[in-house]
Amino acid sequence: MPQLDTSTWLMMILSMVLTLFILFQLKVSKHCYPENPGPKSIKSSSGHTPWENKWTKIYSPLSLPPQ
């Protein structure tokens, strides 16, 4: 049974890593980043919900009277 030739594996792995690094660098360099990101203003919604102006009572199952 012939032996597996592993003499070229190191060169193949190094060339693949170098190729992936170059491709990643090209992809990142073409990405558009925002120049000067500023804080976003948070606006409160003007719509009113029924639970804003009154208390809502939440009943726990353990506090209910036995049935």
C-alpha atoms as a PDB file:
ATOM      1  CA  MET A   1       0.000   0.000   0.000  1.00  0.00           C
ATOM      2  CA  PRO A   2       1.542   3.362  -1.005  1.00  0.00           C
ATOM      3  CA  GLN A   3       2.304   5.989   1.606  1.00  0.00           C
ATOM      4  CA  LEU A   4       0.426   9.283   1.609  1.00  0.00           C
ATOM      5  CA  ASP A   5       2.617  12.106   0.371  1.00  0.00           C
ATOM      6  CA  THR A   6       2.336  14.957   2.882  1.00  0.00           C
ATOM      7  CA  SER A   7       5.234  17.037   1.617  1.00  0.00           C
ATOM      8  CA  THR A   8       2.985  19.583  -0.113  1.00  0.00           C
ATOM      9  CA  TRP A   9       0.463  19.992   2.704  1.00  0.00           C
ATOM     10  CA  LEU A  10       2.328  22.774   4.470  1.00  0.00           C
ATOM     11  CA  MET A  11       2.576  24.831   1.295  1.00  0.00           C
ATOM     12  CA  MET A  12      -1.085  24.236   0.516  1.00  0.00           C
ATOM     13  CA  ILE A  13      -2.237  25.273   4.011  1.00  0.00           C
ATOM     14  CA  LEU A  14      -0.059  28.384   4.025  1.00  0.00           C
ATOM     15  CA  SER A  15      -1.260  29.453   0.599  1.00  0.00           C
ATOM     16  CA  MET A  16      -4.914  28.942   1.621  1.00  0.00           C
ATOM     17  CA  VAL A  17      -4.435  31.008   4.772  1.00  0.00           C
ATOM     18  CA  LEU A  18      -2.724  33.769   2.816  1.00  0.00           C
ATOM     19  CA  THR A  19      -5.490  33.756   0.180  1.00  0.00           C
ATOM     20  CA  LEU A  20      -8.216  33.927   2.837  1.00  0.00           C
ATOM     21  CA  PHE A  21      -6.414  36.776   4.580  1.00  0.00           C
ATOM     22  CA  ILE A  22      -6.113  38.745   1.330  1.00  0.00           C
ATOM     23  CA  LEU A  23      -9.764  38.147   0.434  1.00  0.00           C
ATOM     24  CA  PHE A  24     -10.889  39.219   3.895  1.00  0.00           C
ATOM     25  CA  GLN A  25      -8.778  42.371   3.741  1.00  0.00           C
ATOM     26  CA  LEU A  26     -10.243  43.264   0.347  1.00  0.00           C
ATOM     27  CA  LYS A  27     -13.772  42.699   1.616  1.00  0.00           C
ATOM     28  CA  VAL A  28     -13.222  44.831   4.734  1.00  0.00           C
ATOM     29  CA  SER A  29     -11.518  47.624   2.786  1.00  0.00           C
ATOM     30  CA  LYS A  30     -14.538  47.981   0.465  1.00  0.00           C
ATOM     31  CA  HIS A  31     -16.988  48.279   3.363  1.00  0.00           C
ATOM     32  CA  CYS A  32     -18.440  51.758   3.914  1.00  0.00           C
ATOM     33  CA  TYR A  33     -18.255  52.875   7.522  1.00  0.00           C
ATOM     34  CA  PRO A  34     -20.160  55.930   8.804  1.00  0.00           C
ATOM     35  CA  GLU A  35     -17.831  58.888   9.108  1.00  0.00           C
ATOM     36  CA  ASN A  36     -19.116  60.556  12.258  1.00  0.00           C
ATOM     37  CA  PRO A  37     -21.860  58.649  14.057  1.00  0.00           C
ATOM     38  CA  GLY A  38     -23.815  60.856  16.428  1.00  0.00           C
ATOM     39  CA  PRO A  39     -26.185  60.044  19.258  1.00  0.00           C
ATOM     40  CA  LYS A  40     -29.731  59.295  18.220  1.00  0.00           C
ATOM     41  CA  SER A  41     -32.499  61.351  19.763  1.00  0.00           C
ATOM     42  CA  ILE A  42     -35.101  59.281  21.556  1.00  0.00           C
ATOM     43  CA  LYS A  43     -38.602  60.578  20.915  1.00  0.00           C
ATOM     44  CA  SER A  44     -41.442  59.503  23.151  1.00  0.00           C
ATOM     45  CA  SER A  45     -44.486  58.183  21.369  1.00  0.00           C
ATOM     46  CA  SER A  46     -47.503  60.446  21.545  1.00  0.00           C
ATOM     47  CA  GLY A  47     -50.004  57.582  21.439  1.00  0.00           C
ATOM     48  CA  HIS A  48     -51.687  56.880  24.781  1.00  0.00           C
ATOM     49  CA  THR A  49     -52.358  53.417  26.033  1.00  0.00           C
ATOM     50  CA  PRO A  50     -55.096  52.622  28.528  1.00  0.00           C
ATOM     51  CA  TRP A  51     -52.661  51.541  31.247  1.00  0.00           C
ATOM     52  CA  GLU A  52     -50.641  54.770  31.311  1.00  0.00           C
ATOM     53  CA  ASN A  53     -53.026  56.791  33.525  1.00  0.00           C
ATOM     54  CA  LYS A  54     -54.373  54.099  35.846  1.00  0.00           C
ATOM     55  CA  TRP A  55     -52.950  51.336  37.995  1.00  0.00           C
ATOM     56  CA  THR A  56     -53.215  47.829  36.700  1.00  0.00           C
ATOM     57  CA  LYS A  57     -53.635  45.130  39.311  1.00  0.00           C
ATOM     58  CA  ILE A  58     -51.934  41.841  38.500  1.00  0.00           C
ATOM     59  CA  TYR A  59     -53.189  38.812  40.374  1.00  0.00           C
ATOM     60  CA  SER A  60     -50.832  36.029  41.291  1.00  0.00           C
ATOM     61  CA  PRO A  61     -52.363  32.532  41.052  1.00  0.00           C
ATOM     62  CA  LEU A  62     -51.397  31.901  44.683  1.00  0.00           C
ATOM     63  CA  SER A  63     -53.209  35.005  45.958  1.00  0.00           C
ATOM     64  CA  LEU A  64     -56.552  34.099  44.376  1.00  0.00           C
ATOM     65  CA  PRO A  65     -59.216  32.623  46.660  1.00  0.00           C
ATOM     66  CA  PRO A  66     -59.582  28.825  46.431  1.00  0.00           C
ATOM     67  CA  GLN A  67     -62.323  27.692  44.113  1.00  0.00           C
END
